[in-house]
Amino acid sequence: MAMIKQTANKLTLRFFPWFMWIMTGLSLIGLPIFFTILLQPIPKKITCERVKEKQINCQLQTLLLPFLPSEIAKIEDLKSVKINTIYDTSNRPKTQQVVLLAKNREVIFLVDKIYQPKYTAPNILIAQSRINAFINNPKQQSFQLKMGYALFQWLFLLAIAIQIGYMIFMSESSICEFDRSSGYMIKKQRWLFIFTKTTKHQLFNIQDVQVEWTYHKSKVYRMTLSLASGEKLPLSTYYANYLKSGEKIEAAADMLRDFLSLPKI
C-alpha cells in the first residue's frame, strides 16, 4: 500500500497495481498469437464461383473466430488441386498440404501433420476430392467448403474468456481511508474501474497492523489488519511486491500503527 494523503484526522492508503495491469494486458494481446501458432490447422473456408465453363474464381478465408472472418486471397482461374508432402531433414514425411493450382500460382489451402508415413489424413483427402469434384462438374455453379478444427474456435474463445476474467481479478485497486473523526475505516475496492465494493469497519476494532508475505520467485507482501473479532482484513486481496522493498512496506505499516495509536511490533 502507498500513502497518498495524511491529515491530523485522516490517513488514506492506496493499492494500484499498474505493473500487473501491464503484464496481464500484454498476455491478453499475445494469447491470440500463441494459439494461432500452437493450434493448427486454423479453420479455413473456400468459396468458388464458376464464371465460365472452364473458369473458376475463388476466395480463401481464415476463420479465426466465427464473427471475424478475414480474407486471405483471391484465386482466379482455379485449375486443380494436389497434395504436397513436406519432409524433414531426415527425409521423413512431416506435413501434408492441400495446394490449389490456379493460373500462374499455387495457394496452400490446408496443412496437416503426418503421424504415420504412409497415411494421409482424412481431411486432406476430403478437401482434395471435393474441390476436384466441383472443378470437374461444369453443371455446378458454386461451391463452398470449410475445413479445420471447429474445436479450435471454442478453445480460442474459452482462453480469451479465462484471460479476461483473470485480468478483471488482477485489476483490483483499493483505497483505504482511516478517519478518526468518524471512527471508521472505509475500504473501496474497484475492478477495471467498473465493479466496486465498499466496506466499513470501526477503528476501535482494529487491534494490529501486520505485513504478511509469501514467496513467489521473490518475497511478495500485503498489509493486513487484525480485528477484535479475530478476523484478518487484508487491505489488498493478493500479494505483490509493489516494486518496493519489504522495509518500505513495514515503514508504511508503522505509520498506520502510529496513526491508530497501536503498539509497534
Protein backbone atom coordinates (compact mmCIF):
# COMPACT_ATOMS: atom_id res chain seq x y z
CA MET A 1 0.00 0.00 0.00
CA ALA A 2 1.15 3.53 -0.72
CA MET A 3 0.18 6.51 1.41
CA ILE A 4 -1.41 9.17 -0.77
CA LYS A 5 -2.80 11.52 1.88
CA GLN A 6 -2.48 12.21 5.60
CA THR A 7 -4.02 14.93 7.76
CA ALA A 8 -4.49 15.25 11.50
CA ASN A 9 -7.61 13.06 11.45
CA LYS A 10 -7.41 11.12 8.21
CA LEU A 11 -4.92 8.77 6.56
CA THR A 12 -5.51 7.31 3.10
CA LEU A 13 -3.72 4.29 1.63
CA ARG A 14 -3.97 3.15 -1.97
CA PHE A 15 -3.12 -0.08 -3.77
CA PHE A 16 -2.89 0.44 -7.53
CA PRO A 17 -1.15 -2.50 -9.33
CA TRP A 18 -0.42 -0.77 -12.63
CA PHE A 19 2.52 -3.10 -13.34
CA MET A 20 0.23 -6.15 -13.07
CA TRP A 21 -2.23 -4.50 -15.44
CA ILE A 22 0.53 -4.04 -17.99
CA MET A 23 1.71 -7.67 -17.75
CA THR A 24 -1.83 -9.05 -17.91
CA GLY A 25 -2.70 -6.79 -20.84
CA LEU A 26 0.38 -7.92 -22.77
CA SER A 27 -0.52 -11.56 -22.17
CA LEU A 28 -4.06 -10.86 -23.42
CA ILE A 29 -2.61 -9.42 -26.64
CA GLY A 30 -0.16 -12.30 -27.04
CA LEU A 31 -2.72 -15.04 -26.45
CA PRO A 32 -4.25 -14.98 -29.95
CA ILE A 33 -0.78 -15.12 -31.48
CA PHE A 34 0.14 -18.07 -29.25
CA PHE A 35 -2.98 -20.03 -30.19
CA THR A 36 -2.58 -19.21 -33.85
CA ILE A 37 0.91 -20.73 -33.83
CA LEU A 38 0.19 -23.64 -31.49
CA LEU A 39 -3.12 -24.93 -32.79
CA GLN A 40 -3.07 -25.94 -36.44
CA PRO A 41 -4.77 -26.10 -38.80
CA ILE A 42 -6.75 -22.92 -38.33
CA PRO A 43 -10.26 -23.38 -39.79
CA LYS A 44 -10.38 -22.22 -43.41
CA LYS A 45 -13.16 -21.69 -45.89
CA ILE A 46 -13.01 -21.68 -49.66
CA THR A 47 -15.86 -20.21 -51.72
CA CYS A 48 -15.85 -20.68 -55.51
CA GLU A 49 -17.97 -19.41 -58.39
CA ARG A 50 -17.93 -20.77 -61.94
CA VAL A 51 -17.63 -17.69 -64.16
CA LYS A 52 -17.38 -19.70 -67.37
CA GLU A 53 -17.43 -23.41 -68.04
CA LYS A 54 -13.67 -23.66 -67.57
CA GLN A 55 -13.03 -20.59 -65.45
CA ILE A 56 -13.47 -20.77 -61.68
CA ASN A 57 -12.72 -17.89 -59.30
CA CYS A 58 -12.42 -18.47 -55.56
CA GLN A 59 -11.89 -16.68 -52.28
CA LEU A 60 -9.92 -18.22 -49.43
CA GLN A 61 -10.67 -17.14 -45.86
CA THR A 62 -9.23 -17.91 -42.44
CA LEU A 63 -11.93 -18.32 -39.79
CA LEU A 64 -10.01 -17.48 -36.64
CA LEU A 65 -13.29 -16.59 -34.94
CA PRO A 66 -16.81 -17.15 -36.29
CA PHE A 67 -17.60 -13.43 -36.27
CA LEU A 68 -14.20 -12.25 -37.54
CA PRO A 69 -13.54 -13.82 -40.96
CA SER A 70 -10.51 -12.38 -42.71
CA GLU A 71 -9.93 -12.66 -46.41
CA ILE A 72 -6.55 -14.19 -47.25
CA ALA A 73 -6.51 -14.48 -51.02
CA LYS A 74 -8.49 -14.22 -54.21
CA ILE A 75 -7.83 -17.11 -56.55
CA GLU A 76 -8.56 -16.61 -60.23
CA ASP A 77 -8.94 -19.39 -62.75
CA LEU A 78 -8.65 -22.40 -60.43
CA LYS A 79 -7.45 -25.46 -62.40
CA SER A 80 -6.99 -28.36 -59.98
CA VAL A 81 -5.86 -29.46 -56.54
CA LYS A 82 -2.89 -31.54 -55.46
CA ILE A 83 -1.39 -32.91 -52.24
CA ASN A 84 2.19 -31.99 -51.35
CA THR A 85 4.24 -33.89 -48.78
CA ILE A 86 6.89 -31.95 -46.85
CA TYR A 87 9.90 -33.86 -45.50
CA ASP A 88 12.15 -33.03 -42.57
CA THR A 89 15.96 -33.01 -42.55
CA SER A 90 15.99 -36.80 -42.04
CA ASN A 91 13.87 -37.28 -45.17
CA ARG A 92 10.85 -38.33 -43.12
CA PRO A 93 7.34 -37.09 -44.00
CA LYS A 94 6.44 -34.21 -41.71
CA THR A 95 3.36 -32.44 -43.08
CA GLN A 96 0.94 -32.63 -45.97
CA GLN A 97 -0.57 -29.73 -47.84
CA VAL A 98 -3.65 -29.29 -49.97
CA VAL A 99 -2.44 -26.95 -52.73
CA LEU A 100 -4.78 -25.09 -55.07
CA LEU A 101 -3.38 -24.83 -58.60
CA ALA A 102 -4.54 -21.61 -60.24
CA LYS A 103 -3.39 -19.64 -63.23
CA ASN A 104 0.30 -18.85 -62.76
CA ARG A 105 0.25 -19.51 -58.99
CA GLU A 106 -0.16 -22.08 -56.23
CA VAL A 107 -2.04 -21.40 -53.00
CA ILE A 108 -1.91 -23.57 -49.87
CA PHE A 109 -5.42 -24.28 -48.60
CA LEU A 110 -4.85 -26.77 -45.80
CA VAL A 111 -1.90 -28.12 -43.80
CA ASP A 112 -1.85 -31.18 -41.56
CA LYS A 113 0.84 -33.10 -39.71
CA ILE A 114 1.77 -36.66 -40.62
CA TYR A 115 1.88 -39.16 -37.78
CA GLN A 116 2.22 -42.27 -39.97
CA PRO A 117 4.45 -42.13 -43.07
CA LYS A 118 2.01 -43.98 -45.39
CA TYR A 119 -1.15 -42.44 -44.02
CA THR A 120 -2.95 -39.43 -45.50
CA ALA A 121 -5.19 -37.53 -43.09
CA PRO A 122 -8.92 -37.83 -43.94
CA ASN A 123 -9.41 -34.06 -44.02
CA ILE A 124 -6.64 -33.79 -46.63
CA LEU A 125 -8.32 -36.39 -48.87
CA ILE A 126 -11.78 -34.88 -48.34
CA ALA A 127 -10.61 -31.40 -49.32
CA GLN A 128 -8.84 -32.67 -52.44
CA SER A 129 -11.71 -34.86 -53.64
CA ARG A 130 -14.50 -32.33 -53.03
CA ILE A 131 -12.72 -29.42 -54.69
CA ASN A 132 -11.70 -31.55 -57.68
CA ALA A 133 -15.28 -32.86 -57.97
CA PHE A 134 -16.53 -29.30 -58.28
CA ILE A 135 -13.87 -28.40 -60.84
CA ASN A 136 -14.80 -31.41 -62.98
CA ASN A 137 -18.56 -30.84 -62.80
CA PRO A 138 -19.46 -27.99 -65.21
CA LYS A 139 -23.13 -28.08 -64.12
CA GLN A 140 -22.25 -26.97 -60.57
CA GLN A 141 -22.10 -23.17 -60.48
CA SER A 142 -20.93 -22.56 -56.91
CA PHE A 143 -19.08 -24.38 -54.17
CA GLN A 144 -18.18 -23.80 -50.53
CA LEU A 145 -16.03 -25.86 -48.18
CA LYS A 146 -14.92 -25.17 -44.62
CA MET A 147 -12.08 -27.25 -43.22
CA GLY A 148 -10.10 -27.32 -39.99
CA TYR A 149 -10.96 -27.98 -36.38
CA ALA A 150 -14.10 -26.23 -35.16
CA LEU A 151 -12.85 -27.05 -31.65
CA PHE A 152 -10.07 -24.53 -32.21
CA GLN A 153 -12.54 -21.65 -32.26
CA TRP A 154 -14.18 -22.72 -29.00
CA LEU A 155 -10.82 -23.22 -27.29
CA PHE A 156 -9.76 -19.81 -28.50
CA LEU A 157 -12.91 -18.15 -27.12
CA LEU A 158 -12.60 -20.06 -23.83
CA ALA A 159 -8.98 -19.00 -23.40
CA ILE A 160 -9.88 -15.37 -24.11
CA ALA A 161 -12.74 -15.53 -21.57
CA ILE A 162 -10.45 -17.02 -18.91
CA GLN A 163 -7.83 -14.38 -19.61
CA ILE A 164 -10.36 -11.55 -19.35
CA GLY A 165 -11.64 -12.99 -16.06
CA TYR A 166 -8.08 -13.20 -14.76
CA MET A 167 -7.45 -9.63 -15.87
CA ILE A 168 -10.56 -8.43 -14.02
CA PHE A 169 -9.37 -10.17 -10.85
CA MET A 170 -5.83 -8.84 -11.14
CA SER A 171 -7.04 -5.34 -11.90
CA GLU A 172 -8.24 -4.81 -8.35
CA SER A 173 -7.33 -1.44 -6.91
CA SER A 174 -8.26 -0.37 -3.41
CA ILE A 175 -8.33 2.82 -1.39
CA CYS A 176 -8.48 2.60 2.40
CA GLU A 177 -9.46 5.71 4.35
CA PHE A 178 -8.84 5.75 8.10
CA ASP A 179 -10.88 8.60 9.58
CA ARG A 180 -10.58 9.37 13.29
CA SER A 181 -13.36 11.97 13.04
CA SER A 182 -15.99 9.40 12.02
CA GLY A 183 -14.30 6.50 13.80
CA TYR A 184 -14.40 4.30 10.68
CA MET A 185 -12.09 2.74 8.16
CA ILE A 186 -13.67 2.68 4.68
CA LYS A 187 -12.24 0.27 2.12
CA LYS A 188 -13.19 0.89 -1.51
CA GLN A 189 -12.30 -1.84 -3.98
CA ARG A 190 -12.63 -1.44 -7.72
CA TRP A 191 -12.07 -3.77 -10.67
CA LEU A 192 -11.44 -2.29 -14.14
CA PHE A 193 -12.92 0.98 -12.83
CA ILE A 194 -16.35 -0.63 -13.26
CA PHE A 195 -17.13 -3.07 -10.45
CA THR A 196 -16.95 -1.58 -6.98
CA LYS A 197 -17.28 -2.82 -3.42
CA THR A 198 -17.24 -0.71 -0.25
CA THR A 199 -16.84 -2.00 3.31
CA LYS A 200 -16.71 -0.15 6.63
CA HIS A 201 -15.03 -1.14 9.90
CA GLN A 202 -14.88 0.72 13.17
CA LEU A 203 -11.39 1.88 14.10
CA PHE A 204 -11.62 0.67 17.70
CA ASN A 205 -11.99 -2.89 16.36
CA ILE A 206 -8.55 -2.72 14.73
CA GLN A 207 -6.10 -4.43 17.11
CA ASP A 208 -2.97 -4.61 14.98
CA VAL A 209 -1.44 -3.91 11.56
CA GLN A 210 0.62 -6.73 10.10
CA VAL A 211 2.73 -7.19 7.00
CA GLU A 212 2.15 -10.68 5.60
CA TRP A 213 4.41 -12.17 2.99
CA THR A 214 4.79 -15.26 0.89
CA TYR A 215 7.35 -16.37 -1.63
CA HIS A 216 6.81 -16.29 -5.39
CA LYS A 217 10.21 -16.09 -7.10
CA SER A 218 10.82 -13.29 -4.59
CA LYS A 219 9.07 -12.14 -1.45
CA VAL A 220 5.67 -10.56 -2.04
CA TYR A 221 3.70 -8.67 0.57
CA ARG A 222 0.33 -7.41 1.64
CA MET A 223 -0.81 -5.35 4.61
CA THR A 224 -3.42 -6.94 6.87
CA LEU A 225 -5.46 -5.62 9.79
CA SER A 226 -6.18 -7.81 12.82
CA LEU A 227 -9.68 -7.13 14.16
CA ALA A 228 -11.01 -7.62 17.68
CA SER A 229 -13.21 -10.46 16.42
CA GLY A 230 -10.10 -12.39 15.39
CA GLU A 231 -10.81 -11.76 11.70
CA LYS A 232 -7.99 -10.85 9.32
CA LEU A 233 -8.75 -7.99 6.94
CA PRO A 234 -6.25 -7.76 4.03
CA LEU A 235 -6.02 -4.28 2.53
CA SER A 236 -5.39 -5.93 -0.86
CA THR A 237 -6.74 -9.30 -1.98
CA TYR A 238 -3.47 -10.71 -3.24
CA TYR A 239 0.22 -10.40 -2.52
CA ALA A 240 2.52 -8.18 -4.56
CA ASN A 241 5.90 -6.55 -4.12
CA TYR A 242 4.59 -3.09 -5.07
CA LEU A 243 8.02 -2.53 -6.64
CA LYS A 244 9.19 -1.73 -3.10
CA SER A 245 11.35 -3.47 -0.55
CA GLY A 246 9.92 -5.17 2.50
CA GLU A 247 11.39 -2.42 4.69
CA LYS A 248 9.25 0.21 2.95
CA ILE A 249 6.13 -1.88 3.45
CA GLU A 250 6.98 -2.24 7.14
CA ALA A 251 7.53 1.52 7.34
CA ALA A 252 4.06 2.13 5.89
CA ALA A 253 2.60 -0.30 8.43
CA ASP A 254 4.39 1.53 11.28
CA MET A 255 2.96 4.81 10.02
CA LEU A 256 -0.53 3.34 10.15
CA ARG A 257 0.10 1.96 13.64
CA ASP A 258 1.18 5.44 14.80
CA PHE A 259 -1.93 6.98 13.27
CA LEU A 260 -4.17 4.41 15.03
CA SER A 261 -2.14 4.65 18.26
CA LEU A 262 -1.31 0.94 18.15
CA PRO A 263 1.83 -0.51 19.71
CA LYS A 264 4.65 -1.23 17.29
CA ILE A 265 5.93 -4.79 16.95
